[in-house]
Amino acid sequence: MNSKRVLVAYGSEACSTAGIAEEIGKTLRDDGFDAVVLPADTVTDVSGYDGVVLGATASGTFPCPARPSPSQERTGHSG
């Protein structure tokens, strides 16, 4: 069993992204990961995870405010 913990965070306007995020989480769990699926606007800290999958709507809008990582805040880089 894989002991890696993965966060699947999503922003969804019409709930379809939420459903896809749940499917990704299920697939990760089936592959042995400890996957947690949460709405992105409820996530305040990702330091407890080994990986993060972030999903948003296909329209390119993200209904919750995105926050830069601490390293992005220090450097001013967005990616």
N, C-alpha and C. Protein backbone atom coordinates (compact mmCIF):
# COMPACT_ATOMS: atom_id res chain seq x y z
N MET A 1 0.84 -1.19 0.00
CA MET A 1 0.00 0.00 0.00
C MET A 1 0.88 1.25 0.00
N ASN A 2 0.50 2.22 -0.79
CA ASN A 2 1.21 3.49 -0.89
C ASN A 2 0.79 4.37 0.28
N SER A 3 1.77 4.94 0.98
CA SER A 3 1.44 5.77 2.14
C SER A 3 1.39 7.25 1.79
N LYS A 4 1.46 7.58 0.52
CA LYS A 4 1.43 8.99 0.11
C LYS A 4 0.03 9.56 0.28
N ARG A 5 -0.02 10.77 0.84
CA ARG A 5 -1.30 11.46 1.06
C ARG A 5 -1.46 12.53 -0.01
N VAL A 6 -2.59 12.49 -0.72
CA VAL A 6 -2.84 13.40 -1.84
C VAL A 6 -4.14 14.15 -1.60
N LEU A 7 -4.07 15.47 -1.77
CA LEU A 7 -5.26 16.31 -1.70
C LEU A 7 -5.77 16.55 -3.11
N VAL A 8 -7.05 16.32 -3.31
CA VAL A 8 -7.72 16.68 -4.55
C VAL A 8 -8.66 17.84 -4.19
N ALA A 9 -8.26 19.05 -4.58
CA ALA A 9 -9.05 20.25 -4.27
C ALA A 9 -9.71 20.73 -5.55
N TYR A 10 -10.94 21.20 -5.44
CA TYR A 10 -11.68 21.60 -6.64
C TYR A 10 -12.48 22.87 -6.40
N GLY A 11 -12.70 23.59 -7.49
CA GLY A 11 -13.62 24.71 -7.52
C GLY A 11 -14.67 24.38 -8.56
N SER A 12 -15.92 24.46 -8.21
CA SER A 12 -16.98 24.00 -9.10
C SER A 12 -18.14 24.99 -9.12
N GLU A 13 -18.56 25.37 -10.31
CA GLU A 13 -19.71 26.26 -10.45
C GLU A 13 -21.00 25.48 -10.59
N ALA A 14 -20.95 24.35 -11.28
CA ALA A 14 -22.16 23.58 -11.54
C ALA A 14 -22.08 22.16 -11.01
N CYS A 15 -21.16 21.92 -10.10
CA CYS A 15 -20.99 20.62 -9.43
C CYS A 15 -20.36 19.53 -10.29
N SER A 16 -20.15 19.76 -11.57
CA SER A 16 -19.52 18.71 -12.38
C SER A 16 -18.06 18.53 -12.00
N THR A 17 -17.36 19.62 -11.67
CA THR A 17 -15.96 19.50 -11.26
C THR A 17 -15.87 18.73 -9.95
N ALA A 18 -16.83 18.92 -9.07
CA ALA A 18 -16.85 18.18 -7.81
C ALA A 18 -16.97 16.68 -8.07
N GLY A 19 -17.81 16.31 -8.99
CA GLY A 19 -17.99 14.89 -9.33
C GLY A 19 -16.73 14.29 -9.93
N ILE A 20 -16.07 15.05 -10.79
CA ILE A 20 -14.81 14.58 -11.38
C ILE A 20 -13.75 14.45 -10.29
N ALA A 21 -13.69 15.42 -9.38
CA ALA A 21 -12.72 15.36 -8.27
C ALA A 21 -12.95 14.11 -7.43
N GLU A 22 -14.21 13.77 -7.17
CA GLU A 22 -14.52 12.56 -6.40
C GLU A 22 -14.03 11.32 -7.14
N GLU A 23 -14.20 11.29 -8.45
CA GLU A 23 -13.72 10.15 -9.25
C GLU A 23 -12.20 10.05 -9.22
N ILE A 24 -11.52 11.19 -9.30
CA ILE A 24 -10.05 11.19 -9.20
C ILE A 24 -9.63 10.67 -7.84
N GLY A 25 -10.30 11.14 -6.79
CA GLY A 25 -10.00 10.66 -5.45
C GLY A 25 -10.21 9.16 -5.32
N LYS A 26 -11.30 8.66 -5.87
CA LYS A 26 -11.58 7.22 -5.83
C LYS A 26 -10.49 6.44 -6.55
N THR A 27 -10.09 6.92 -7.73
CA THR A 27 -9.04 6.24 -8.49
C THR A 27 -7.72 6.22 -7.72
N LEU A 28 -7.39 7.35 -7.11
CA LEU A 28 -6.17 7.41 -6.31
C LEU A 28 -6.24 6.43 -5.14
N ARG A 29 -7.38 6.37 -4.47
CA ARG A 29 -7.55 5.43 -3.36
C ARG A 29 -7.45 3.99 -3.85
N ASP A 30 -8.07 3.70 -5.01
CA ASP A 30 -7.98 2.36 -5.59
C ASP A 30 -6.53 1.97 -5.89
N ASP A 31 -5.71 2.98 -6.19
CA ASP A 31 -4.29 2.75 -6.48
C ASP A 31 -3.42 2.79 -5.22
N GLY A 32 -4.05 2.90 -4.05
CA GLY A 32 -3.34 2.79 -2.79
C GLY A 32 -2.95 4.10 -2.13
N PHE A 33 -3.34 5.22 -2.72
CA PHE A 33 -3.03 6.51 -2.11
C PHE A 33 -4.06 6.84 -1.03
N ASP A 34 -3.65 7.65 -0.09
CA ASP A 34 -4.57 8.21 0.91
C ASP A 34 -5.06 9.53 0.32
N ALA A 35 -6.16 9.49 -0.41
CA ALA A 35 -6.67 10.66 -1.12
C ALA A 35 -7.79 11.33 -0.34
N VAL A 36 -7.69 12.65 -0.25
CA VAL A 36 -8.69 13.47 0.42
C VAL A 36 -9.24 14.44 -0.62
N VAL A 37 -10.56 14.51 -0.76
CA VAL A 37 -11.21 15.40 -1.74
C VAL A 37 -11.94 16.50 -0.98
N LEU A 38 -11.59 17.76 -1.30
CA LEU A 38 -12.19 18.90 -0.60
C LEU A 38 -12.45 20.06 -1.56
N PRO A 39 -13.47 20.88 -1.28
CA PRO A 39 -13.62 22.12 -2.03
C PRO A 39 -12.41 23.01 -1.78
N ALA A 40 -11.87 23.61 -2.82
CA ALA A 40 -10.64 24.41 -2.68
C ALA A 40 -10.80 25.56 -1.70
N ASP A 41 -11.99 26.12 -1.62
CA ASP A 41 -12.15 27.27 -0.72
C ASP A 41 -12.17 26.89 0.76
N THR A 42 -12.10 25.59 1.06
CA THR A 42 -12.02 25.15 2.45
C THR A 42 -10.59 24.78 2.85
N VAL A 43 -9.68 24.78 1.88
CA VAL A 43 -8.30 24.37 2.14
C VAL A 43 -7.48 25.58 2.58
N THR A 44 -6.86 25.47 3.74
CA THR A 44 -6.03 26.57 4.24
C THR A 44 -4.57 26.19 4.35
N ASP A 45 -4.26 24.88 4.30
CA ASP A 45 -2.88 24.43 4.46
C ASP A 45 -2.71 23.11 3.72
N VAL A 46 -1.68 23.02 2.88
CA VAL A 46 -1.43 21.78 2.14
C VAL A 46 -0.17 21.07 2.63
N SER A 47 0.41 21.57 3.72
CA SER A 47 1.69 21.00 4.17
C SER A 47 1.56 19.55 4.64
N GLY A 48 0.38 19.09 4.94
CA GLY A 48 0.19 17.71 5.37
C GLY A 48 0.02 16.72 4.23
N TYR A 49 0.21 17.18 3.01
CA TYR A 49 0.01 16.33 1.84
C TYR A 49 1.31 16.16 1.08
N ASP A 50 1.46 14.99 0.45
CA ASP A 50 2.62 14.72 -0.40
C ASP A 50 2.40 15.24 -1.81
N GLY A 51 1.15 15.42 -2.20
CA GLY A 51 0.82 15.93 -3.53
C GLY A 51 -0.53 16.60 -3.52
N VAL A 52 -0.74 17.49 -4.48
CA VAL A 52 -2.00 18.21 -4.60
C VAL A 52 -2.45 18.18 -6.05
N VAL A 53 -3.71 17.83 -6.26
CA VAL A 53 -4.36 17.93 -7.57
C VAL A 53 -5.39 19.04 -7.43
N LEU A 54 -5.33 20.02 -8.32
CA LEU A 54 -6.25 21.16 -8.26
C LEU A 54 -7.09 21.20 -9.52
N GLY A 55 -8.40 21.20 -9.36
CA GLY A 55 -9.29 21.24 -10.51
C GLY A 55 -10.19 22.46 -10.46
N ALA A 56 -10.45 23.02 -11.63
CA ALA A 56 -11.35 24.17 -11.76
C ALA A 56 -12.27 23.95 -12.95
N THR A 57 -13.22 24.83 -13.10
CA THR A 57 -14.16 24.71 -14.20
C THR A 57 -13.47 24.92 -15.54
N ALA A 58 -14.04 24.36 -16.59
CA ALA A 58 -13.47 24.49 -17.93
C ALA A 58 -13.56 25.92 -18.45
N SER A 59 -14.44 26.72 -17.88
CA SER A 59 -14.57 28.09 -18.34
C SER A 59 -13.38 28.95 -17.93
N GLY A 60 -12.55 28.40 -17.07
CA GLY A 60 -11.37 29.13 -16.64
C GLY A 60 -11.59 30.00 -15.43
N THR A 61 -12.83 30.08 -14.97
CA THR A 61 -13.09 30.86 -13.76
C THR A 61 -12.94 29.97 -12.56
N PHE A 62 -12.61 30.54 -11.45
CA PHE A 62 -12.43 29.79 -10.22
C PHE A 62 -13.24 30.49 -9.15
N PRO A 63 -14.31 29.88 -8.65
CA PRO A 63 -15.24 30.58 -7.78
C PRO A 63 -14.69 30.94 -6.40
N CYS A 64 -13.57 30.38 -6.02
CA CYS A 64 -13.04 30.73 -4.70
C CYS A 64 -11.73 31.49 -4.89
N PRO A 65 -11.39 32.32 -3.94
CA PRO A 65 -10.14 33.09 -4.10
C PRO A 65 -8.93 32.18 -4.04
N ALA A 66 -8.06 32.31 -5.02
CA ALA A 66 -6.82 31.53 -5.03
C ALA A 66 -5.76 32.29 -4.24
N ARG A 67 -5.01 31.57 -3.47
CA ARG A 67 -3.96 32.19 -2.66
C ARG A 67 -2.61 31.70 -3.15
N PRO A 68 -1.62 32.59 -3.27
CA PRO A 68 -0.28 32.13 -3.66
C PRO A 68 0.35 31.31 -2.54
N SER A 69 1.25 30.42 -2.93
CA SER A 69 1.98 29.67 -1.93
C SER A 69 2.96 30.60 -1.23
N PRO A 70 3.45 30.22 -0.06
CA PRO A 70 4.42 31.07 0.63
C PRO A 70 5.64 31.38 -0.23
N SER A 71 6.12 30.41 -1.02
CA SER A 71 7.29 30.68 -1.86
C SER A 71 6.95 31.66 -2.97
N GLN A 72 5.73 31.62 -3.49
CA GLN A 72 5.32 32.57 -4.51
C GLN A 72 5.18 33.96 -3.91
N GLU A 73 4.73 34.04 -2.66
CA GLU A 73 4.62 35.34 -2.01
C GLU A 73 6.00 35.96 -1.83
N ARG A 74 7.00 35.13 -1.48
CA ARG A 74 8.35 35.64 -1.27
C ARG A 74 8.99 36.09 -2.57
N THR A 75 8.77 35.32 -3.66
CA THR A 75 9.46 35.63 -4.92
C THR A 75 8.65 36.51 -5.85
N GLY A 76 7.34 36.53 -5.65
CA GLY A 76 6.47 37.28 -6.54
C GLY A 76 6.11 36.52 -7.81
N HIS A 77 6.53 35.26 -7.92
CA HIS A 77 6.21 34.44 -9.09
C HIS A 77 4.86 33.78 -8.91
N SER A 78 4.13 33.63 -9.99
CA SER A 78 2.82 33.00 -9.91
C SER A 78 2.84 31.56 -10.42
N GLY A 79 3.95 31.08 -10.89
CA GLY A 79 3.96 29.72 -11.39
C GLY A 79 5.30 29.10 -11.40
